[in-house]
PDB file of N, CA and C in Angstrom:
ATOM      1  N   LYS A   1     107.608 100.510  89.649  1.00  0.00           N
ATOM      2  CA  LYS A   1     108.777 100.055  89.964  1.00  0.00           C
ATOM      3  C   LYS A   1     109.460 100.602  90.907  1.00  0.00           C
ATOM      4  N   ARG A   2     110.208 100.310  91.995  1.00  0.00           N
ATOM      5  CA  ARG A   2     110.971 100.531  93.269  1.00  0.00           C
ATOM      6  C   ARG A   2     112.175 101.152  92.645  1.00  0.00           C
ATOM      7  N   GLN A   3     112.780 102.063  92.582  1.00  0.00           N
ATOM      8  CA  GLN A   3     114.076 102.698  92.236  1.00  0.00           C
ATOM      9  C   GLN A   3     114.640 103.618  93.224  1.00  0.00           C
ATOM     10  N   VAL A   4     115.420 103.563  93.960  1.00  0.00           N
ATOM     11  CA  VAL A   4     116.553 103.690  94.914  1.00  0.00           C
ATOM     12  C   VAL A   4     117.015 104.932  94.332  1.00  0.00           C
ATOM     13  N   HIS A   5     117.084 106.065  94.946  1.00  0.00           N
ATOM     14  CA  HIS A   5     117.712 107.352  94.111  1.00  0.00           C
ATOM     15  C   HIS A   5     118.202 108.523  95.010  1.00  0.00           C
ATOM     16  N   CYS A   6     118.680 109.248  94.792  1.00  0.00           N
ATOM     17  CA  CYS A   6     119.093 110.393  95.455  1.00  0.00           C
ATOM     18  C   CYS A   6     119.358 111.636  94.964  1.00  0.00           C
ATOM     19  N   HIS A   7     119.779 112.394  95.653  1.00  0.00           N
ATOM     20  CA  HIS A   7     119.855 113.792  95.089  1.00  0.00           C
ATOM     21  C   HIS A   7     119.960 115.028  96.344  1.00  0.00           C
ATOM     22  N   VAL A   8     120.895 115.979  95.856  1.00  0.00           N
ATOM     23  CA  VAL A   8     121.048 117.066  96.539  1.00  0.00           C
ATOM     24  C   VAL A   8     120.328 117.730  97.525  1.00  0.00           C
ATOM     25  N   PRO A   9     118.976 118.136  96.936  1.00  0.00           N
ATOM     26  CA  PRO A   9     118.124 118.862  97.501  1.00  0.00           C
ATOM     27  C   PRO A   9     117.705 118.312  98.499  1.00  0.00           C
ATOM     28  N   ARG A  10     117.439 119.114  99.742  1.00  0.00           N
ATOM     29  CA  ARG A  10     116.839 118.219 100.662  1.00  0.00           C
ATOM     30  C   ARG A  10     115.209 118.024  99.819  1.00  0.00           C
ATOM     31  N   GLU A  11     114.439 117.443 100.569  1.00  0.00           N
ATOM     32  CA  GLU A  11     113.283 116.881 100.255  1.00  0.00           C
ATOM     33  C   GLU A  11     111.892 116.589 100.999  1.00  0.00           C
ATOM     34  N   ILE A  12     110.814 116.705 101.028  1.00  0.00           N
ATOM     35  CA  ILE A  12     109.866 116.233 102.024  1.00  0.00           C
ATOM     36  C   ILE A  12     108.452 115.643 101.432  1.00  0.00           C
ATOM     37  N   TYR A  13     108.152 114.514 101.890  1.00  0.00           N
ATOM     38  CA  TYR A  13     106.835 114.167 101.115  1.00  0.00           C
ATOM     39  C   TYR A  13     105.681 114.230 102.384  1.00  0.00           C
ATOM     40  N   LEU A  14     104.846 114.709 101.999  1.00  0.00           N
ATOM     41  CA  LEU A  14     103.460 114.728 102.970  1.00  0.00           C
ATOM     42  C   LEU A  14     102.224 112.977 102.456  1.00  0.00           C
ATOM     43  N   VAL A  15     102.505 112.078 103.069  1.00  0.00           N
ATOM     44  CA  VAL A  15     101.923 111.014 102.446  1.00  0.00           C
ATOM     45  C   VAL A  15     100.200 111.132 102.571  1.00  0.00           C
ATOM     46  N   LEU A  16      99.660 111.087 101.636  1.00  0.00           N
ATOM     47  CA  LEU A  16      98.199 111.058 101.770  1.00  0.00           C
ATOM     48  C   LEU A  16      97.155 109.702 101.514  1.00  0.00           C
ATOM     49  N   THR A  17      97.833 108.836 101.198  1.00  0.00           N
ATOM     50  CA  THR A  17      97.276 107.666 101.338  1.00  0.00           C
ATOM     51  C   THR A  17      97.840 106.554 101.873  1.00  0.00           C
ATOM     52  N   PRO A  18      96.854 105.476 102.208  1.00  0.00           N
ATOM     53  CA  PRO A  18      97.654 104.755 103.159  1.00  0.00           C
ATOM     54  C   PRO A  18      98.283 103.265 102.170  1.00  0.00           C
ATOM     55  N   ASP A  19      98.625 102.423 102.963  1.00  0.00           N
ATOM     56  CA  ASP A  19      99.650 101.028 102.302  1.00  0.00           C
ATOM     57  C   ASP A  19     100.950 101.783 101.592  1.00  0.00           C
ATOM     58  N   VAL A  20     101.580 102.438 101.996  1.00  0.00           N
ATOM     59  CA  VAL A  20     102.599 102.946 101.438  1.00  0.00           C
ATOM     60  C   VAL A  20     103.735 102.796 102.377  1.00  0.00           C
ATOM     61  N   GLU A  21     105.302 102.050 101.576  1.00  0.00           N
ATOM     62  CA  GLU A  21     106.332 101.967 102.560  1.00  0.00           C
ATOM     63  C   GLU A  21     107.480 102.608 102.240  1.00  0.00           C
ATOM     64  N   TRP A  22     108.372 102.941 103.307  1.00  0.00           N
ATOM     65  CA  TRP A  22     109.634 103.739 102.801  1.00  0.00           C
ATOM     66  C   TRP A  22     110.701 102.781 102.971  1.00  0.00           C
ATOM     67  N   ARG A  23     111.676 103.300 101.946  1.00  0.00           N
ATOM     68  CA  ARG A  23     112.835 102.768 102.645  1.00  0.00           C
ATOM     69  C   ARG A  23     114.010 103.972 102.701  1.00  0.00           C
ATOM     70  N   LEU A  24     115.220 103.997 103.482  1.00  0.00           N
ATOM     71  CA  LEU A  24     116.078 105.074 103.721  1.00  0.00           C
ATOM     72  C   LEU A  24     117.554 104.418 103.922  1.00  0.00           C
ATOM     73  N   ASP A  25     118.342 104.819 103.051  1.00  0.00           N
ATOM     74  CA  ASP A  25     119.768 104.428 103.253  1.00  0.00           C
ATOM     75  C   ASP A  25     120.483 103.012 103.486  1.00  0.00           C
ATOM     76  N   GLY A  26     119.149 102.201 102.215  1.00  0.00           N
ATOM     77  CA  GLY A  26     119.526 100.864 102.332  1.00  0.00           C
ATOM     78  C   GLY A  26     118.773 100.154 103.643  1.00  0.00           C
ATOM     79  N   LYS A  27     118.438 100.903 104.206  1.00  0.00           N
ATOM     80  CA  LYS A  27     117.904  99.798 105.749  1.00  0.00           C
ATOM     81  C   LYS A  27     116.410  99.636 105.300  1.00  0.00           C
ATOM     82  N   ASN A  28     115.846  98.681 106.695  1.00  0.00           N
ATOM     83  CA  ASN A  28     114.567  97.784 106.213  1.00  0.00           C
ATOM     84  C   ASN A  28     113.396  99.122 105.738  1.00  0.00           C
ATOM     85  N   TRP A  29     112.460  98.240 105.096  1.00  0.00           N
ATOM     86  CA  TRP A  29     111.013  99.138 104.621  1.00  0.00           C
ATOM     87  C   TRP A  29     110.450  99.329 106.095  1.00  0.00           C
ATOM     88  N   PHE A  30     109.637 100.627 106.264  1.00  0.00           N
ATOM     89  CA  PHE A  30     109.127 100.796 106.961  1.00  0.00           C
ATOM     90  C   PHE A  30     107.531 101.528 106.370  1.00  0.00           C
ATOM     91  N   SER A  31     106.476 101.279 107.326  1.00  0.00           N
ATOM     92  CA  SER A  31     105.148 101.291 106.766  1.00  0.00           C
ATOM     93  C   SER A  31     104.936 103.377 107.295  1.00  0.00           C
ATOM     94  N   VAL A  32     104.384 103.700 106.404  1.00  0.00           N
ATOM     95  CA  VAL A  32     104.126 105.383 106.407  1.00  0.00           C
ATOM     96  C   VAL A  32     102.940 105.205 106.256  1.00  0.00           C
ATOM     97  N   THR A  33     102.398 106.223 106.937  1.00  0.00           N
ATOM     98  CA  THR A  33     100.509 106.148 107.093  1.00  0.00           C
ATOM     99  C   THR A  33     100.196 107.499 106.543  1.00  0.00           C
ATOM    100  N   PRO A  34      98.670 107.583 106.570  1.00  0.00           N
ATOM    101  CA  PRO A  34      98.792 108.834 105.669  1.00  0.00           C
ATOM    102  C   PRO A  34      98.765 110.136 106.641  1.00  0.00           C
ATOM    103  N   GLY A  35      99.257 111.253 106.442  1.00  0.00           N
ATOM    104  CA  GLY A  35      99.623 112.210 107.343  1.00  0.00           C
ATOM    105  C   GLY A  35     101.012 112.458 108.243  1.00  0.00           C
ATOM    106  N   GLU A  36     101.715 111.384 107.474  1.00  0.00           N
ATOM    107  CA  GLU A  36     103.073 111.376 108.024  1.00  0.00           C
ATOM    108  C   GLU A  36     104.021 112.269 107.012  1.00  0.00           C
ATOM    109  N   VAL A  37     104.759 112.916 107.376  1.00  0.00           N
ATOM    110  CA  VAL A  37     106.073 113.846 106.730  1.00  0.00           C
ATOM    111  C   VAL A  37     107.335 112.594 106.595  1.00  0.00           C
ATOM    112  N   ILE A  38     107.810 112.302 105.664  1.00  0.00           N
ATOM    113  CA  ILE A  38     108.865 111.977 104.937  1.00  0.00           C
ATOM    114  C   ILE A  38     110.124 113.220 104.702  1.00  0.00           C
ATOM    115  N   TYR A  39     111.303 113.188 105.462  1.00  0.00           N
ATOM    116  CA  TYR A  39     112.213 114.038 105.174  1.00  0.00           C
ATOM    117  C   TYR A  39     113.319 113.425 104.685  1.00  0.00           C
ATOM    118  N   HIS A  40     113.839 114.049 103.239  1.00  0.00           N
ATOM    119  CA  HIS A  40     115.065 113.279 103.173  1.00  0.00           C
ATOM    120  C   HIS A  40     116.244 114.075 103.004  1.00  0.00           C
ATOM    121  N   ALA A  41     117.842 114.019 103.780  1.00  0.00           N
ATOM    122  CA  ALA A  41     118.607 114.678 104.092  1.00  0.00           C
ATOM    123  C   ALA A  41     119.518 114.611 102.689  1.00  0.00           C
ATOM    124  N   PRO A  42     120.142 115.863 102.182  1.00  0.00           N
ATOM    125  CA  PRO A  42     121.063 115.763 100.700  1.00  0.00           C
ATOM    126  C   PRO A  42     121.408 114.606 100.820  1.00  0.00           C
ATOM    127  N   SER A  43     121.516 114.173  99.393  1.00  0.00           N
ATOM    128  CA  SER A  43     122.347 112.962  98.683  1.00  0.00           C
ATOM    129  C   SER A  43     121.849 111.579  99.910  1.00  0.00           C
ATOM    130  N   GLN A  44     120.642 111.464 100.696  1.00  0.00           N
ATOM    131  CA  GLN A  44     120.271 110.405 101.194  1.00  0.00           C
ATOM    132  C   GLN A  44     119.582 109.483 100.516  1.00  0.00           C
ATOM    133  N   SER A  45     119.729 108.199 100.151  1.00  0.00           N
ATOM    134  CA  SER A  45     119.145 107.259  99.046  1.00  0.00           C
ATOM    135  C   SER A  45     118.226 106.865  99.893  1.00  0.00           C
ATOM    136  N   HIS A  46     116.887 106.750  99.038  1.00  0.00           N
ATOM    137  CA  HIS A  46     115.303 106.756  99.432  1.00  0.00           C
ATOM    138  C   HIS A  46     114.740 105.687  98.482  1.00  0.00           C
ATOM    139  N   ALA A  47     113.900 105.465  98.597  1.00  0.00           N
ATOM    140  CA  ALA A  47     112.911 104.649  97.938  1.00  0.00           C
ATOM    141  C   ALA A  47     111.713 104.564  98.281  1.00  0.00           C
ATOM    142  N   MET A  48     110.269 104.303  97.561  1.00  0.00           N
ATOM    143  CA  MET A  48     109.229 104.089  97.915  1.00  0.00           C
ATOM    144  C   MET A  48     108.711 102.866  97.047  1.00  0.00           C
ATOM    145  N   ARG A  49     107.736 102.302  98.065  1.00  0.00           N
ATOM    146  CA  ARG A  49     106.626 101.255  97.389  1.00  0.00           C
ATOM    147  C   ARG A  49     105.222 101.211  97.915  1.00  0.00           C
ATOM    148  N   THR A  50     104.395 100.648  96.811  1.00  0.00           N
ATOM    149  CA  THR A  50     103.080 100.846  97.544  1.00  0.00           C
ATOM    150  C   THR A  50     102.582  99.509  97.290  1.00  0.00           C
ATOM    151  N   GLN A  51     101.186  98.967  98.108  1.00  0.00           N
ATOM    152  CA  GLN A  51     100.629  97.982  98.192  1.00  0.00           C
ATOM    153  C   GLN A  51      99.441  97.775  96.839  1.00  0.00           C
ATOM    154  N   ALA A  52      98.325  97.644  97.396  1.00  0.00           N
ATOM    155  CA  ALA A  52      96.933  97.817  96.215  1.00  0.00           C
ATOM    156  C   ALA A  52      96.245  99.071  95.733  1.00  0.00           C
ATOM    157  N   THR A  53      96.941 100.255  96.667  1.00  0.00           N
ATOM    158  CA  THR A  53      96.441 101.743  96.635  1.00  0.00           C
ATOM    159  C   THR A  53      97.673 102.662  95.953  1.00  0.00           C
ATOM    160  N   PRO A  54      97.516 103.571  94.768  1.00  0.00           N
ATOM    161  CA  PRO A  54      98.792 104.169  94.257  1.00  0.00           C
ATOM    162  C   PRO A  54      98.638 105.412  95.871  1.00  0.00           C
ATOM    163  N   MET A  55      99.699 105.690  95.600  1.00  0.00           N
ATOM    164  CA  MET A  55     100.311 106.642  96.282  1.00  0.00           C
ATOM    165  C   MET A  55      99.944 107.858  96.105  1.00  0.00           C
ATOM    166  N   LEU A  56      99.300 108.807  96.854  1.00  0.00           N
ATOM    167  CA  LEU A  56      99.501 109.990  96.574  1.00  0.00           C
ATOM    168  C   LEU A  56     100.013 110.932  97.658  1.00  0.00           C
ATOM    169  N   ALA A  57     100.480 111.800  97.326  1.00  0.00           N
ATOM    170  CA  ALA A  57     101.650 112.419  98.221  1.00  0.00           C
ATOM    171  C   ALA A  57     102.008 113.795  97.935  1.00  0.00           C
ATOM    172  N   PHE A  58     102.173 115.172  98.425  1.00  0.00           N
ATOM    173  CA  PHE A  58     102.738 116.418  98.538  1.00  0.00           C
ATOM    174  C   PHE A  58     104.274 115.918  98.630  1.00  0.00           C
ATOM    175  N   ALA A  59     105.161 116.397  97.430  1.00  0.00           N
ATOM    176  CA  ALA A  59     106.448 115.662  97.598  1.00  0.00           C
ATOM    177  C   ALA A  59     106.971 117.568  97.310  1.00  0.00           C
ATOM    178  N   ALA A  60     107.987 118.225  98.077  1.00  0.00           N
ATOM    179  CA  ALA A  60     109.004 119.030  97.378  1.00  0.00           C
ATOM    180  C   ALA A  60     110.492 119.196  98.209  1.00  0.00           C
ATOM    181  N   TRP A  61     111.030 119.735  96.916  1.00  0.00           N
ATOM    182  CA  TRP A  61     112.205 120.036  97.155  1.00  0.00           C
ATOM    183  C   TRP A  61     112.869 121.489  98.112  1.00  0.00           C
ATOM    184  N   LEU A  62     113.221 121.407  99.470  1.00  0.00           N
ATOM    185  CA  LEU A  62     113.503 122.134  99.932  1.00  0.00           C
ATOM    186  C   LEU A  62     114.823 123.381  99.268  1.00  0.00           C
ATOM    187  N   ASP A  63     115.703 122.787  98.638  1.00  0.00           N
ATOM    188  CA  ASP A  63     116.210 123.982  97.914  1.00  0.00           C
ATOM    189  C   ASP A  63     116.085 123.652  96.413  1.00  0.00           C
ATOM    190  N   GLY A  64     117.371 124.566  95.955  1.00  0.00           N
ATOM    191  CA  GLY A  64     117.159 124.518  94.403  1.00  0.00           C
ATOM    192  C   GLY A  64     117.801 123.249  93.672  1.00  0.00           C
ATOM    193  N   GLY A  65     117.489 122.751  92.754  1.00  0.00           N
ATOM    194  CA  GLY A  65     118.058 121.971  91.834  1.00  0.00           C
ATOM    195  C   GLY A  65     117.333 121.955  90.462  1.00  0.00           C
ATOM    196  N   SER A  66     117.721 121.127  90.060  1.00  0.00           N
ATOM    197  CA  SER A  66     117.164 119.773  88.675  1.00  0.00           C
ATOM    198  C   SER A  66     117.074 118.949  88.853  1.00  0.00           C
ATOM    199  N   ARG A  67     115.952 117.994  88.299  1.00  0.00           N
ATOM    200  CA  ARG A  67     115.871 116.721  87.940  1.00  0.00           C
ATOM    201  C   ARG A  67     116.758 115.971  87.526  1.00  0.00           C
ATOM    202  N   SER A  68     117.626 116.452  86.518  1.00  0.00           N
ATOM    203  CA  SER A  68     118.744 115.920  85.810  1.00  0.00           C
ATOM    204  C   SER A  68     119.795 115.404  86.959  1.00  0.00           C
ATOM    205  N   ALA A  69     119.726 115.762  88.100  1.00  0.00           N
ATOM    206  CA  ALA A  69     120.584 115.730  89.338  1.00  0.00           C
ATOM    207  C   ALA A  69     120.595 114.621  90.155  1.00  0.00           C
ATOM    208  N   ILE A  70     119.297 114.361  89.697  1.00  0.00           N
ATOM    209  CA  ILE A  70     118.874 112.596  90.226  1.00  0.00           C
ATOM    210  C   ILE A  70     119.771 111.734  89.968  1.00  0.00           C
ATOM    211  N   SER A  71     120.213 110.904  91.131  1.00  0.00           N
ATOM    212  CA  SER A  71     121.042 109.532  90.888  1.00  0.00           C
ATOM    213  C   SER A  71     120.721 108.561  91.033  1.00  0.00           C
ATOM    214  N   ILE A  72     120.537 107.282  90.072  1.00  0.00           N
ATOM    215  CA  ILE A  72     119.527 106.431  90.194  1.00  0.00           C
ATOM    216  C   ILE A  72     120.586 105.340  90.334  1.00  0.00           C
TER     217      ILE A  72
END
């Protein structure tokens, strides 16, 4: 399920698998290739979706925060 969400901590993703799409700030979906890094600014809405292959990625918050602070 694609859940658009946001949170105050900055976040990065390093995508490791193909067939991943991203959406930022409600704009159009775009393709992301393995090795690409995606950055989310504080409170930036974002979502991701996959095709046939499940997504494998490294994700990290760059600031302190609690998962309970995620707004869906």
